[in-house]
N, C-alpha and C. Protein backbone atom coordinates (compact mmCIF):
# COMPACT_ATOMS: atom_id res chain seq x y z
N MET A 1 8.59 4.07 -10.10
CA MET A 1 9.00 3.08 -9.14
C MET A 1 10.21 2.27 -9.62
N GLN A 2 10.56 2.44 -10.85
CA GLN A 2 11.70 1.70 -11.36
C GLN A 2 12.98 2.52 -11.31
N ASP A 3 12.89 3.75 -10.83
CA ASP A 3 14.05 4.61 -10.67
C ASP A 3 15.00 3.99 -9.64
N LEU A 4 16.23 3.82 -9.99
CA LEU A 4 17.19 3.16 -9.12
C LEU A 4 17.39 3.92 -7.81
N THR A 5 17.44 5.24 -7.87
CA THR A 5 17.62 6.03 -6.65
C THR A 5 16.46 5.80 -5.69
N PHE A 6 15.23 5.80 -6.22
CA PHE A 6 14.07 5.54 -5.37
C PHE A 6 14.16 4.17 -4.73
N ARG A 7 14.50 3.17 -5.51
CA ARG A 7 14.54 1.80 -4.98
C ARG A 7 15.59 1.65 -3.89
N VAL A 8 16.74 2.29 -4.06
CA VAL A 8 17.79 2.23 -3.04
C VAL A 8 17.32 2.92 -1.76
N LEU A 9 16.73 4.10 -1.90
CA LEU A 9 16.21 4.81 -0.73
C LEU A 9 15.12 4.01 -0.04
N TRP A 10 14.20 3.44 -0.82
CA TRP A 10 13.10 2.66 -0.26
C TRP A 10 13.65 1.47 0.54
N GLN A 11 14.57 0.75 -0.02
CA GLN A 11 15.14 -0.40 0.68
C GLN A 11 15.87 0.05 1.94
N GLY A 12 16.52 1.20 1.89
CA GLY A 12 17.23 1.71 3.05
C GLY A 12 16.30 2.14 4.16
N LEU A 13 15.10 2.59 3.81
CA LEU A 13 14.14 3.03 4.81
C LEU A 13 13.27 1.91 5.34
N VAL A 14 12.89 0.98 4.50
CA VAL A 14 11.92 -0.04 4.88
C VAL A 14 12.58 -1.33 5.34
N ALA A 15 13.52 -1.82 4.60
CA ALA A 15 14.10 -3.13 4.89
C ALA A 15 14.72 -3.24 6.28
N PRO A 16 15.42 -2.21 6.79
CA PRO A 16 16.09 -2.39 8.08
C PRO A 16 15.18 -2.34 9.30
N ARG A 17 13.90 -2.01 9.13
CA ARG A 17 13.03 -1.92 10.30
C ARG A 17 12.88 -3.28 10.97
N PRO A 18 12.87 -3.28 12.30
CA PRO A 18 12.64 -4.55 13.00
C PRO A 18 11.27 -5.11 12.64
N LYS A 19 11.15 -6.43 12.65
CA LYS A 19 9.92 -7.10 12.24
C LYS A 19 8.71 -6.58 13.02
N GLY A 20 8.85 -6.34 14.31
CA GLY A 20 7.75 -5.88 15.13
C GLY A 20 7.20 -4.53 14.70
N TRP A 21 7.99 -3.71 14.08
CA TRP A 21 7.55 -2.39 13.63
C TRP A 21 6.64 -2.49 12.42
N ARG A 22 6.66 -3.60 11.75
CA ARG A 22 5.87 -3.76 10.54
C ARG A 22 4.45 -4.22 10.82
N TYR A 23 4.19 -4.66 12.03
CA TYR A 23 2.87 -5.15 12.37
C TYR A 23 1.82 -4.06 12.16
N GLY A 24 0.79 -4.38 11.42
CA GLY A 24 -0.29 -3.44 11.21
C GLY A 24 0.01 -2.33 10.22
N SER A 25 1.00 -2.49 9.40
CA SER A 25 1.35 -1.44 8.44
C SER A 25 0.45 -1.49 7.22
N VAL A 26 0.10 -0.32 6.74
CA VAL A 26 -0.74 -0.19 5.55
C VAL A 26 -0.09 0.82 4.63
N SER A 27 -0.12 0.53 3.35
CA SER A 27 0.33 1.47 2.34
C SER A 27 -0.89 1.92 1.55
N VAL A 28 -1.17 3.20 1.56
CA VAL A 28 -2.29 3.75 0.80
C VAL A 28 -1.75 4.08 -0.59
N GLN A 29 -2.31 3.42 -1.59
CA GLN A 29 -1.79 3.55 -2.95
C GLN A 29 -2.87 3.96 -3.92
N LEU A 30 -2.50 4.82 -4.84
CA LEU A 30 -3.36 5.11 -5.97
C LEU A 30 -3.13 4.04 -7.02
N VAL A 31 -4.10 3.84 -7.89
CA VAL A 31 -3.92 2.86 -8.97
C VAL A 31 -2.66 3.25 -9.73
N PRO A 32 -1.73 2.31 -9.92
CA PRO A 32 -0.38 2.63 -10.37
C PRO A 32 -0.17 2.92 -11.84
N LEU A 33 -1.21 3.07 -12.62
CA LEU A 33 -1.02 3.33 -14.05
C LEU A 33 -1.96 4.43 -14.50
N PRO A 34 -1.69 5.04 -15.65
CA PRO A 34 -2.59 6.07 -16.17
C PRO A 34 -3.99 5.50 -16.42
N GLU A 35 -4.96 6.37 -16.42
CA GLU A 35 -6.35 5.97 -16.63
C GLU A 35 -6.57 5.24 -17.95
N ASP A 36 -5.75 5.54 -18.97
CA ASP A 36 -5.95 4.91 -20.28
C ASP A 36 -5.26 3.55 -20.40
N ALA A 37 -4.68 3.05 -19.32
CA ALA A 37 -4.06 1.72 -19.34
C ALA A 37 -5.15 0.66 -19.45
N THR A 38 -4.79 -0.46 -20.02
CA THR A 38 -5.78 -1.54 -20.15
C THR A 38 -6.09 -2.11 -18.76
N PRO A 39 -7.29 -2.67 -18.60
CA PRO A 39 -7.62 -3.29 -17.32
C PRO A 39 -6.63 -4.39 -16.92
N GLU A 40 -6.13 -5.13 -17.91
CA GLU A 40 -5.16 -6.19 -17.62
C GLU A 40 -3.86 -5.61 -17.07
N ASP A 41 -3.39 -4.50 -17.67
CA ASP A 41 -2.16 -3.86 -17.20
C ASP A 41 -2.35 -3.32 -15.78
N ARG A 42 -3.52 -2.74 -15.52
CA ARG A 42 -3.80 -2.19 -14.20
C ARG A 42 -3.82 -3.30 -13.15
N GLN A 43 -4.47 -4.43 -13.47
CA GLN A 43 -4.52 -5.55 -12.53
C GLN A 43 -3.13 -6.14 -12.30
N ALA A 44 -2.34 -6.25 -13.35
CA ALA A 44 -0.99 -6.80 -13.22
C ALA A 44 -0.14 -5.90 -12.34
N ALA A 45 -0.26 -4.58 -12.51
CA ALA A 45 0.51 -3.65 -11.69
C ALA A 45 0.07 -3.73 -10.23
N LYS A 46 -1.24 -3.81 -10.00
CA LYS A 46 -1.74 -3.92 -8.63
C LYS A 46 -1.25 -5.21 -7.97
N ARG A 47 -1.29 -6.31 -8.72
CA ARG A 47 -0.81 -7.60 -8.19
C ARG A 47 0.67 -7.51 -7.82
N TYR A 48 1.45 -6.88 -8.70
CA TYR A 48 2.88 -6.73 -8.44
C TYR A 48 3.11 -6.01 -7.12
N TRP A 49 2.45 -4.85 -6.92
CA TRP A 49 2.66 -4.07 -5.71
C TRP A 49 2.11 -4.76 -4.47
N GLU A 50 1.00 -5.48 -4.60
CA GLU A 50 0.48 -6.22 -3.45
C GLU A 50 1.47 -7.30 -3.01
N GLU A 51 2.05 -8.01 -3.98
CA GLU A 51 3.04 -9.04 -3.64
C GLU A 51 4.30 -8.41 -3.06
N TYR A 52 4.72 -7.29 -3.62
CA TYR A 52 5.92 -6.60 -3.12
C TYR A 52 5.71 -6.18 -1.67
N PHE A 53 4.62 -5.50 -1.39
CA PHE A 53 4.36 -5.03 -0.03
C PHE A 53 4.09 -6.18 0.92
N ALA A 54 3.51 -7.28 0.44
CA ALA A 54 3.26 -8.44 1.30
C ALA A 54 4.57 -9.00 1.85
N ARG A 55 5.62 -8.97 1.06
CA ARG A 55 6.93 -9.44 1.54
C ARG A 55 7.44 -8.59 2.69
N LEU A 56 6.95 -7.36 2.80
CA LEU A 56 7.34 -6.45 3.87
C LEU A 56 6.31 -6.43 5.01
N ASP A 57 5.34 -7.33 4.93
CA ASP A 57 4.23 -7.39 5.90
C ASP A 57 3.43 -6.09 5.92
N VAL A 58 3.22 -5.53 4.75
CA VAL A 58 2.45 -4.30 4.61
C VAL A 58 1.24 -4.61 3.74
N ARG A 59 0.06 -4.25 4.23
CA ARG A 59 -1.16 -4.43 3.45
C ARG A 59 -1.38 -3.20 2.59
N VAL A 60 -1.97 -3.39 1.42
CA VAL A 60 -2.20 -2.30 0.48
C VAL A 60 -3.68 -1.90 0.51
N TYR A 61 -3.91 -0.61 0.61
CA TYR A 61 -5.25 -0.05 0.44
C TYR A 61 -5.22 0.74 -0.86
N TRP A 62 -6.09 0.37 -1.80
CA TRP A 62 -6.13 1.05 -3.09
C TRP A 62 -7.14 2.18 -3.03
N GLY A 63 -6.66 3.39 -3.04
CA GLY A 63 -7.51 4.57 -3.01
C GLY A 63 -6.71 5.76 -2.54
N THR A 64 -7.42 6.85 -2.26
CA THR A 64 -6.74 8.05 -1.79
C THR A 64 -6.60 8.01 -0.28
N ALA A 65 -5.76 8.87 0.24
CA ALA A 65 -5.60 8.97 1.69
C ALA A 65 -6.93 9.38 2.33
N ARG A 66 -7.67 10.25 1.69
CA ARG A 66 -8.98 10.69 2.21
C ARG A 66 -9.95 9.49 2.29
N GLN A 67 -9.99 8.68 1.24
CA GLN A 67 -10.86 7.50 1.25
C GLN A 67 -10.45 6.54 2.36
N PHE A 68 -9.15 6.34 2.52
CA PHE A 68 -8.66 5.45 3.57
C PHE A 68 -9.06 5.96 4.95
N ALA A 69 -8.89 7.26 5.17
CA ALA A 69 -9.22 7.84 6.47
C ALA A 69 -10.71 7.71 6.76
N ARG A 70 -11.54 7.94 5.77
CA ARG A 70 -12.99 7.79 5.96
C ARG A 70 -13.36 6.36 6.32
N GLU A 71 -12.81 5.41 5.58
CA GLU A 71 -13.12 4.00 5.83
C GLU A 71 -12.59 3.57 7.20
N LEU A 72 -11.40 4.00 7.54
CA LEU A 72 -10.82 3.67 8.84
C LEU A 72 -11.68 4.23 9.96
N ARG A 73 -12.10 5.48 9.83
CA ARG A 73 -12.96 6.10 10.85
C ARG A 73 -14.27 5.32 10.99
N SER A 74 -14.86 4.97 9.87
CA SER A 74 -16.12 4.23 9.89
C SER A 74 -15.96 2.89 10.60
N LYS A 75 -14.90 2.16 10.27
CA LYS A 75 -14.66 0.86 10.91
C LYS A 75 -14.36 1.03 12.39
N TRP A 76 -13.63 2.05 12.74
CA TRP A 76 -13.28 2.32 14.13
C TRP A 76 -14.55 2.61 14.92
N GLN A 77 -15.44 3.42 14.35
CA GLN A 77 -16.69 3.74 15.04
C GLN A 77 -17.57 2.50 15.18
N GLN A 78 -17.61 1.65 14.16
CA GLN A 78 -18.38 0.40 14.24
C GLN A 78 -17.84 -0.48 15.36
N ASP A 79 -16.52 -0.60 15.44
CA ASP A 79 -15.91 -1.44 16.47
C ASP A 79 -16.15 -0.89 17.87
N SER A 80 -16.11 0.43 18.02
CA SER A 80 -16.27 1.02 19.34
C SER A 80 -17.74 1.04 19.77
N ASP A 81 -18.67 0.96 18.80
CA ASP A 81 -20.10 0.96 19.12
C ASP A 81 -20.59 -0.42 19.54
N GLY A 82 -19.86 -1.40 19.22
CA GLY A 82 -20.34 -2.64 19.71
C GLY A 82 -20.08 -3.86 19.01
């Protein structure tokens, strides 16, 4: 994520979007460090990305895309059931 090319592309794709397009946006993220990282490093990295995405009005879901889809489906079914 510190690669300059990535950061330039990311800003070019995300920053110019109109504010209304950002409503309800979610970023599905894996834990951003190797498994052998200290818990403190993992929490600091997660905090960094949550704050970064919050500035873009994007909420972060920590997990896999499959986990996110399962949870979303479950919540959707709960809401539609009553």
